[in-house]
Amino acid sequence: MIASIIVGMSNNLIWVGWSIVHWHKRPDDAWKPVTATLLILLAMSLEIYDFPPLLGILDAHSLWHASTIYIASFWYEFLIEDAKIESFRESKGKKIDKN
């Protein structure tokens, strides 16, 4: 579990770094990795701070899985948009300048 936390936190730090680097070039998109990172940290707290089932049904692990559905959807929308932008940039051979 500790190894998973370390890898996950490293991934989050890399994406926050990406957002900082791209904040001025892509202000419409750069906030999305930071938001996803914060949501993942909140959801991860359900895994770390486990609690017994509420009403015998909902425990921390089930809520973790439920929350990752929405986070993954949000994240993949960002990845698709980023891939489109990068593909367009590569095909034109230019840097992106939205101004």
Protein backbone atom coordinates (compact mmCIF):
# COMPACT_ATOMS: atom_id res chain seq x y z
CA MET A 1 0.00 0.00 0.00
CA ILE A 2 2.85 2.39 0.78
CA ALA A 3 4.42 1.75 -2.64
CA SER A 4 1.08 2.55 -4.32
CA ILE A 5 0.81 5.78 -2.36
CA ILE A 6 4.35 6.79 -3.33
CA VAL A 7 3.77 6.07 -7.02
CA GLY A 8 0.41 7.86 -6.96
CA MET A 9 1.81 10.92 -5.20
CA SER A 10 4.74 11.03 -7.66
CA ASN A 11 2.28 10.95 -10.57
CA ASN A 12 0.24 13.73 -8.97
CA LEU A 13 3.34 15.89 -8.47
CA ILE A 14 4.36 15.42 -12.10
CA TRP A 15 0.94 16.54 -13.33
CA VAL A 16 0.92 19.55 -11.00
CA GLY A 17 4.34 20.42 -12.44
CA TRP A 18 2.92 20.07 -15.97
CA SER A 19 0.11 22.46 -15.02
CA ILE A 20 2.54 25.04 -13.66
CA VAL A 21 4.70 24.90 -16.79
CA HIS A 22 1.70 25.17 -19.14
CA TRP A 23 -0.37 27.64 -17.09
CA HIS A 24 0.35 30.64 -19.35
CA LYS A 25 0.35 28.74 -22.66
CA ARG A 26 -2.91 26.86 -22.05
CA PRO A 27 -4.95 28.54 -19.31
CA ASP A 28 -8.16 26.81 -20.46
CA ASP A 29 -6.67 23.36 -19.82
CA ALA A 30 -3.91 23.72 -17.23
CA TRP A 31 -6.28 23.75 -14.25
CA LYS A 32 -7.68 20.30 -15.06
CA PRO A 33 -4.71 18.17 -13.89
CA VAL A 34 -4.57 20.14 -10.62
CA THR A 35 -8.29 19.59 -10.08
CA ALA A 36 -7.98 15.89 -10.88
CA THR A 37 -5.03 15.63 -8.50
CA LEU A 38 -6.99 17.21 -5.66
CA LEU A 39 -9.98 14.96 -6.32
CA ILE A 40 -7.75 11.89 -6.36
CA LEU A 41 -6.18 12.94 -3.05
CA LEU A 42 -9.63 13.31 -1.52
CA ALA A 43 -10.72 9.94 -2.87
CA MET A 44 -7.46 8.32 -1.75
CA SER A 45 -8.21 9.41 1.80
CA LEU A 46 -11.14 6.96 1.67
CA GLU A 47 -8.66 4.14 1.03
CA ILE A 48 -6.21 5.28 3.68
CA TYR A 49 -8.69 6.13 6.44
CA ASP A 50 -10.96 3.12 6.15
CA PHE A 51 -14.20 3.01 8.11
CA PRO A 52 -16.72 0.23 8.74
CA PRO A 53 -19.76 -0.14 6.47
CA LEU A 54 -22.62 2.28 6.89
CA LEU A 55 -25.93 0.40 6.96
CA GLY A 56 -23.94 -2.71 6.11
CA ILE A 57 -23.49 -1.51 2.51
CA LEU A 58 -21.31 1.57 2.01
CA ASP A 59 -17.76 1.35 3.30
CA ALA A 60 -14.72 3.45 2.45
CA HIS A 61 -13.57 1.06 -0.27
CA SER A 62 -16.92 1.10 -2.10
CA LEU A 63 -17.03 4.91 -1.95
CA TRP A 64 -13.48 4.99 -3.30
CA HIS A 65 -14.56 2.98 -6.33
CA ALA A 66 -17.67 5.10 -6.83
CA SER A 67 -15.65 8.34 -6.75
CA THR A 68 -13.08 7.09 -9.25
CA ILE A 69 -15.79 6.75 -11.92
CA TYR A 70 -16.26 10.50 -12.09
CA ILE A 71 -12.60 11.37 -11.62
CA ALA A 72 -11.57 9.01 -14.45
CA SER A 73 -14.22 10.49 -16.74
CA PHE A 74 -13.00 14.03 -16.02
CA TRP A 75 -9.38 12.96 -16.49
CA TYR A 76 -9.97 11.19 -19.82
CA GLU A 77 -11.80 14.20 -21.22
CA PHE A 78 -8.68 16.25 -20.44
CA LEU A 79 -6.40 13.63 -22.02
CA ILE A 80 -8.45 13.53 -25.21
CA GLU A 81 -8.43 17.32 -25.48
CA ASP A 82 -4.68 17.41 -24.80
CA ALA A 83 -4.05 14.77 -27.46
CA LYS A 84 -6.04 16.80 -30.00
CA ILE A 85 -4.07 19.95 -29.18
CA GLU A 86 -0.73 18.17 -29.35
CA SER A 87 -1.65 16.40 -32.60
CA PHE A 88 -2.66 19.70 -34.17
CA ARG A 89 0.54 21.35 -32.94
CA GLU A 90 2.68 18.52 -34.30
CA SER A 91 0.93 18.59 -37.66
CA LYS A 92 1.51 22.32 -38.00
CA GLY A 93 5.03 22.23 -36.53
CA LYS A 94 4.31 25.28 -34.41
CA LYS A 95 3.95 26.13 -30.77
CA ILE A 96 0.44 26.69 -29.51
CA ASP A 97 -0.43 30.33 -28.98
CA LYS A 98 -4.08 30.87 -28.10
CA ASN A 99 -3.69 34.67 -28.11
